[in-house]
Amino acid sequence: MFKSIKIYPTQPHFRDSKGKIFTGSTGNSSTWNQPLGQKVLIVDIDTRVPTGDNQILHPESKIDWETLQANGGGLVSHAITNHYLYAMIHGYDYHYYEAHDMVDHHTTWIKPHVLKELLPNYQFVVAMDADAIISHLEVPLEWMFNRWGIGEHTSMALPHDTEEFRDGERKKSYHVSRTYAD
């Protein structure tokens, strides 16, 4: 169903809807030549459970996307939907975990425990936050892995800060990948 919009992992460049060109890996430097499919897991682990009225996991209500909040459970509803759709487009697995209280720990400490449980079952586990939305759903992780130099022996890829400028003015910091090999 999504084949017509997806780009291929070794495609030399990607042009977004505004015409901006993003360059992929060059020449023979592509490690990921085929889609990884279910070897990849996209996982959301969040403490803000979107079960309120007009939220994605509410058992009885339908979502009105026009009036969905942009914070709290509404933000989580947007993210879950975005991440799930991205996983479906590229054939990745998807899981959502509701973080529960842990004795003497903040609820976000559930993340390392869940990741430890999931890592043996996948080649890549990509943990997403509810404030991270994938803006180019057609670009597969494999294409980005090739661009960022994430190889077969990369054990962990983490973000580092970068800045966004609009009209010559600094707006905010974002994150891009940094890789660590075995």
C-alpha atoms as a PDB file:
ATOM      1  CA  MET A   1       0.000   0.000   0.000  1.00  0.00           C
ATOM      2  CA  PHE A   2       2.824   2.458   0.800  1.00  0.00           C
ATOM      3  CA  LYS A   3       5.300   1.306  -1.864  1.00  0.00           C
ATOM      4  CA  SER A   4       4.689   4.330  -4.078  1.00  0.00           C
ATOM      5  CA  ILE A   5       5.750   6.864  -1.429  1.00  0.00           C
ATOM      6  CA  LYS A   6       8.764   5.108   0.125  1.00  0.00           C
ATOM      7  CA  ILE A   7      12.306   5.922  -0.880  1.00  0.00           C
ATOM      8  CA  TYR A   8      14.867   3.139  -1.188  1.00  0.00           C
ATOM      9  CA  PRO A   9      17.692   2.782   1.398  1.00  0.00           C
ATOM     10  CA  THR A  10      20.430   3.455  -1.191  1.00  0.00           C
ATOM     11  CA  GLN A  11      18.704   6.324  -2.970  1.00  0.00           C
ATOM     12  CA  PRO A  12      21.391   9.017  -3.418  1.00  0.00           C
ATOM     13  CA  HIS A  13      19.184  11.896  -2.304  1.00  0.00           C
ATOM     14  CA  PHE A  14      15.753  12.781  -1.002  1.00  0.00           C
ATOM     15  CA  ARG A  15      13.773  15.890  -1.970  1.00  0.00           C
ATOM     16  CA  ASP A  16      11.143  16.998   0.540  1.00  0.00           C
ATOM     17  CA  SER A  17       7.830  18.640  -0.374  1.00  0.00           C
ATOM     18  CA  LYS A  18       9.426  22.105  -0.144  1.00  0.00           C
ATOM     19  CA  GLY A  19      12.179  21.153  -2.603  1.00  0.00           C
ATOM     20  CA  LYS A  20      15.013  20.851  -0.059  1.00  0.00           C
ATOM     21  CA  ILE A  21      17.456  18.113  -1.047  1.00  0.00           C
ATOM     22  CA  PHE A  22      18.985  15.805   1.556  1.00  0.00           C
ATOM     23  CA  THR A  23      21.980  13.789   0.408  1.00  0.00           C
ATOM     24  CA  GLY A  24      22.226  10.133   1.366  1.00  0.00           C
ATOM     25  CA  SER A  25      25.403   8.074   1.607  1.00  0.00           C
ATOM     26  CA  THR A  26      27.773   8.331  -1.324  1.00  0.00           C
ATOM     27  CA  GLY A  27      29.127   5.608  -3.584  1.00  0.00           C
ATOM     28  CA  ASN A  28      29.684   2.217  -1.994  1.00  0.00           C
ATOM     29  CA  SER A  29      29.372   3.530   1.562  1.00  0.00           C
ATOM     30  CA  SER A  30      25.823   2.210   1.975  1.00  0.00           C
ATOM     31  CA  THR A  31      25.733  -0.513   4.610  1.00  0.00           C
ATOM     32  CA  TRP A  32      21.981  -0.954   4.454  1.00  0.00           C
ATOM     33  CA  ASN A  33      21.019  -1.894   0.888  1.00  0.00           C
ATOM     34  CA  GLN A  34      17.742  -3.652   1.665  1.00  0.00           C
ATOM     35  CA  PRO A  35      14.839  -2.813   3.976  1.00  0.00           C
ATOM     36  CA  LEU A  36      15.277  -4.312   7.453  1.00  0.00           C
ATOM     37  CA  GLY A  37      11.534  -4.758   8.037  1.00  0.00           C
ATOM     38  CA  GLN A  38      10.731  -6.567  11.277  1.00  0.00           C
ATOM     39  CA  LYS A  39      14.368  -6.551  12.383  1.00  0.00           C
ATOM     40  CA  VAL A  40      13.577  -2.982  13.513  1.00  0.00           C
ATOM     41  CA  LEU A  41      11.320  -2.045  16.417  1.00  0.00           C
ATOM     42  CA  ILE A  42       9.895   1.430  16.943  1.00  0.00           C
ATOM     43  CA  VAL A  43       8.932   1.743  20.614  1.00  0.00           C
ATOM     44  CA  ASP A  44       7.102   4.434  22.569  1.00  0.00           C
ATOM     45  CA  ILE A  45       7.562   4.313  26.341  1.00  0.00           C
ATOM     46  CA  ASP A  46       5.703   7.106  28.074  1.00  0.00           C
ATOM     47  CA  THR A  47       4.366   8.116  31.461  1.00  0.00           C
ATOM     48  CA  ARG A  48       1.588  10.213  29.923  1.00  0.00           C
ATOM     49  CA  VAL A  49      -1.019   7.616  29.039  1.00  0.00           C
ATOM     50  CA  PRO A  50      -3.428   8.982  26.399  1.00  0.00           C
ATOM     51  CA  THR A  51      -6.656   7.474  27.809  1.00  0.00           C
ATOM     52  CA  GLY A  52      -8.522  10.745  28.425  1.00  0.00           C
ATOM     53  CA  ASP A  53     -11.449  12.001  26.399  1.00  0.00           C
ATOM     54  CA  ASN A  54     -10.484  12.554  22.729  1.00  0.00           C
ATOM     55  CA  GLN A  55      -7.211  10.628  23.099  1.00  0.00           C
ATOM     56  CA  ILE A  56      -5.887   7.651  21.140  1.00  0.00           C
ATOM     57  CA  LEU A  57      -6.189   4.972  23.843  1.00  0.00           C
ATOM     58  CA  HIS A  58      -9.556   6.052  25.258  1.00  0.00           C
ATOM     59  CA  PRO A  59     -11.652   2.871  25.140  1.00  0.00           C
ATOM     60  CA  GLU A  60     -14.988   4.492  24.240  1.00  0.00           C
ATOM     61  CA  SER A  61     -14.489   7.752  22.370  1.00  0.00           C
ATOM     62  CA  LYS A  62     -13.629   8.561  18.785  1.00  0.00           C
ATOM     63  CA  ILE A  63     -10.816  11.017  18.184  1.00  0.00           C
ATOM     64  CA  ASP A  64     -11.621  14.413  16.748  1.00  0.00           C
ATOM     65  CA  TRP A  65      -8.262  15.188  15.111  1.00  0.00           C
ATOM     66  CA  GLU A  66      -9.232  18.829  14.536  1.00  0.00           C
ATOM     67  CA  THR A  67      -9.571  19.508  18.272  1.00  0.00           C
ATOM     68  CA  LEU A  68      -6.815  17.204  19.561  1.00  0.00           C
ATOM     69  CA  GLN A  69      -4.610  18.952  22.135  1.00  0.00           C
ATOM     70  CA  ALA A  70      -0.967  19.674  21.329  1.00  0.00           C
ATOM     71  CA  ASN A  71       0.229  18.801  24.845  1.00  0.00           C
ATOM     72  CA  GLY A  72      -0.234  16.069  27.464  1.00  0.00           C
ATOM     73  CA  GLY A  73      -2.304  13.130  26.216  1.00  0.00           C
ATOM     74  CA  GLY A  74      -3.008  14.904  22.929  1.00  0.00           C
ATOM     75  CA  LEU A  75       0.710  15.184  22.218  1.00  0.00           C
ATOM     76  CA  VAL A  76       1.136  11.494  23.035  1.00  0.00           C
ATOM     77  CA  SER A  77      -1.825  10.637  20.763  1.00  0.00           C
ATOM     78  CA  HIS A  78      -0.172  12.510  17.873  1.00  0.00           C
ATOM     79  CA  ALA A  79       3.178  10.804  18.484  1.00  0.00           C
ATOM     80  CA  ILE A  80       1.781   7.281  18.845  1.00  0.00           C
ATOM     81  CA  THR A  81      -0.172   7.662  15.625  1.00  0.00           C
ATOM     82  CA  ASN A  82       2.834   9.105  13.784  1.00  0.00           C
ATOM     83  CA  HIS A  83       5.271   6.458  15.025  1.00  0.00           C
ATOM     84  CA  TYR A  84       2.836   3.608  14.386  1.00  0.00           C
ATOM     85  CA  LEU A  85       2.140   4.821  10.837  1.00  0.00           C
ATOM     86  CA  TYR A  86       5.888   5.159  10.166  1.00  0.00           C
ATOM     87  CA  ALA A  87       6.465   1.588  11.384  1.00  0.00           C
ATOM     88  CA  MET A  88       3.628   0.284   9.182  1.00  0.00           C
ATOM     89  CA  ILE A  89       4.890   2.139   6.093  1.00  0.00           C
ATOM     90  CA  HIS A  90       8.332   0.533   6.406  1.00  0.00           C
ATOM     91  CA  GLY A  91       7.341  -2.873   7.753  1.00  0.00           C
ATOM     92  CA  TYR A  92       8.915  -2.311  11.181  1.00  0.00           C
ATOM     93  CA  ASP A  93       7.452  -3.690  14.410  1.00  0.00           C
ATOM     94  CA  TYR A  94       5.829  -1.233  16.814  1.00  0.00           C
ATOM     95  CA  HIS A  95       5.201  -1.359  20.579  1.00  0.00           C
ATOM     96  CA  TYR A  96       3.703   1.112  23.025  1.00  0.00           C
ATOM     97  CA  TYR A  97       4.542   0.796  26.717  1.00  0.00           C
ATOM     98  CA  GLU A  98       2.804   2.601  29.527  1.00  0.00           C
ATOM     99  CA  ALA A  99       5.452   3.423  32.115  1.00  0.00           C
ATOM    100  CA  HIS A 100       4.389   2.386  35.628  1.00  0.00           C
ATOM    101  CA  ASP A 101       5.776   3.509  38.944  1.00  0.00           C
ATOM    102  CA  MET A 102       8.913   1.784  40.177  1.00  0.00           C
ATOM    103  CA  VAL A 103       9.784   1.818  43.864  1.00  0.00           C
ATOM    104  CA  ASP A 104      12.367   4.538  44.620  1.00  0.00           C
ATOM    105  CA  HIS A 105      12.704   5.490  40.931  1.00  0.00           C
ATOM    106  CA  HIS A 106      11.222   8.111  38.651  1.00  0.00           C
ATOM    107  CA  THR A 107       8.813   6.562  36.108  1.00  0.00           C
ATOM    108  CA  THR A 108      11.168   7.277  33.200  1.00  0.00           C
ATOM    109  CA  TRP A 109      13.531   4.609  34.611  1.00  0.00           C
ATOM    110  CA  ILE A 110      11.186   2.027  33.072  1.00  0.00           C
ATOM    111  CA  LYS A 111      12.835   2.820  29.700  1.00  0.00           C
ATOM    112  CA  PRO A 112      16.174   1.062  30.311  1.00  0.00           C
ATOM    113  CA  HIS A 113      14.355  -1.977  31.700  1.00  0.00           C
ATOM    114  CA  VAL A 114      12.042  -2.241  28.695  1.00  0.00           C
ATOM    115  CA  LEU A 115      14.902  -1.691  26.233  1.00  0.00           C
ATOM    116  CA  LYS A 116      16.979  -4.406  27.920  1.00  0.00           C
ATOM    117  CA  GLU A 117      14.038  -6.789  27.460  1.00  0.00           C
ATOM    118  CA  LEU A 118      13.551  -5.877  23.778  1.00  0.00           C
ATOM    119  CA  LEU A 119      17.144  -5.680  22.468  1.00  0.00           C
ATOM    120  CA  PRO A 120      17.730  -9.439  22.032  1.00  0.00           C
ATOM    121  CA  ASN A 121      14.716  -9.699  19.698  1.00  0.00           C
ATOM    122  CA  TYR A 122      15.682  -6.998  17.163  1.00  0.00           C
ATOM    123  CA  GLN A 123      18.662  -5.769  15.197  1.00  0.00           C
ATOM    124  CA  PHE A 124      17.622  -2.188  16.006  1.00  0.00           C
ATOM    125  CA  VAL A 125      15.352  -0.809  18.714  1.00  0.00           C
ATOM    126  CA  VAL A 126      14.446   2.833  18.164  1.00  0.00           C
ATOM    127  CA  ALA A 127      12.963   4.483  21.251  1.00  0.00           C
ATOM    128  CA  MET A 128      10.846   7.507  20.437  1.00  0.00           C
ATOM    129  CA  ASP A 129       9.609  10.300  22.695  1.00  0.00           C
ATOM    130  CA  ALA A 130       6.151  11.810  22.492  1.00  0.00           C
ATOM    131  CA  ASP A 131       7.626  15.172  21.513  1.00  0.00           C
ATOM    132  CA  ALA A 132       9.382  13.627  18.489  1.00  0.00           C
ATOM    133  CA  ILE A 133       7.371  13.445  15.299  1.00  0.00           C
ATOM    134  CA  ILE A 134       8.734  11.925  12.092  1.00  0.00           C
ATOM    135  CA  SER A 135       8.134  14.607   9.494  1.00  0.00           C
ATOM    136  CA  HIS A 136       9.188  12.625   6.409  1.00  0.00           C
ATOM    137  CA  LEU A 137       7.331   9.345   6.766  1.00  0.00           C
ATOM    138  CA  GLU A 138       8.585   8.146   3.378  1.00  0.00           C
ATOM    139  CA  VAL A 139      12.266   8.113   4.449  1.00  0.00           C
ATOM    140  CA  PRO A 140      13.243   4.740   5.955  1.00  0.00           C
ATOM    141  CA  LEU A 141      15.596   4.332   8.884  1.00  0.00           C
ATOM    142  CA  GLU A 142      17.983   2.409   6.624  1.00  0.00           C
ATOM    143  CA  TRP A 143      18.464   5.516   4.452  1.00  0.00           C
ATOM    144  CA  MET A 144      19.181   7.620   7.551  1.00  0.00           C
ATOM    145  CA  PHE A 145      21.481   4.915   8.983  1.00  0.00           C
ATOM    146  CA  ASN A 146      23.480   5.021   5.733  1.00  0.00           C
ATOM    147  CA  ARG A 147      23.625   8.826   5.866  1.00  0.00           C
ATOM    148  CA  TRP A 148      24.701   8.909   9.518  1.00  0.00           C
ATOM    149  CA  GLY A 149      27.244   6.087   9.247  1.00  0.00           C
ATOM    150  CA  ILE A 150      25.370   3.643  11.458  1.00  0.00           C
ATOM    151  CA  GLY A 151      26.884   0.290  10.557  1.00  0.00           C
ATOM    152  CA  GLU A 152      26.485  -3.353  11.459  1.00  0.00           C
ATOM    153  CA  HIS A 153      28.803  -2.970  14.468  1.00  0.00           C
ATOM    154  CA  THR A 154      27.181   0.167  15.858  1.00  0.00           C
ATOM    155  CA  SER A 155      25.975  -0.781  19.299  1.00  0.00           C
ATOM    156  CA  MET A 156      24.266   2.486  20.141  1.00  0.00           C
ATOM    157  CA  ALA A 157      23.315   5.684  18.346  1.00  0.00           C
ATOM    158  CA  LEU A 158      22.494   8.727  20.437  1.00  0.00           C
ATOM    159  CA  PRO A 159      21.611  12.335  19.684  1.00  0.00           C
ATOM    160  CA  HIS A 160      23.797  15.332  20.261  1.00  0.00           C
ATOM    161  CA  ASP A 161      22.588  18.912  20.240  1.00  0.00           C
ATOM    162  CA  THR A 162      22.420  20.997  17.112  1.00  0.00           C
ATOM    163  CA  GLU A 163      20.787  24.359  16.518  1.00  0.00           C
ATOM    164  CA  GLU A 164      17.941  25.407  14.244  1.00  0.00           C
ATOM    165  CA  PHE A 165      18.032  28.790  12.545  1.00  0.00           C
ATOM    166  CA  ARG A 166      15.096  30.443  10.772  1.00  0.00           C
ATOM    167  CA  ASP A 167      15.509  33.709   8.916  1.00  0.00           C
ATOM    168  CA  GLY A 168      19.025  33.995  10.362  1.00  0.00           C
ATOM    169  CA  GLU A 169      17.747  33.776  13.938  1.00  0.00           C
ATOM    170  CA  ARG A 170      18.470  30.937  16.405  1.00  0.00           C
ATOM    171  CA  LYS A 171      15.178  29.270  17.333  1.00  0.00           C
ATOM    172  CA  LYS A 172      15.976  26.113  19.320  1.00  0.00           C
ATOM    173  CA  SER A 173      18.186  23.077  19.713  1.00  0.00           C
ATOM    174  CA  TYR A 174      17.483  19.762  18.038  1.00  0.00           C
ATOM    175  CA  HIS A 175      19.195  16.411  18.047  1.00  0.00           C
ATOM    176  CA  VAL A 176      21.016  14.403  15.404  1.00  0.00           C
ATOM    177  CA  SER A 177      22.653  11.002  15.576  1.00  0.00           C
ATOM    178  CA  ARG A 178      26.029  10.121  17.048  1.00  0.00           C
ATOM    179  CA  THR A 179      27.110   6.492  16.811  1.00  0.00           C
ATOM    180  CA  TYR A 180      29.157   4.267  19.067  1.00  0.00           C
ATOM    181  CA  ALA A 181      30.734   1.039  17.840  1.00  0.00           C
ATOM    182  CA  ASP A 182      31.384  -2.081  19.884  1.00  0.00           C
END
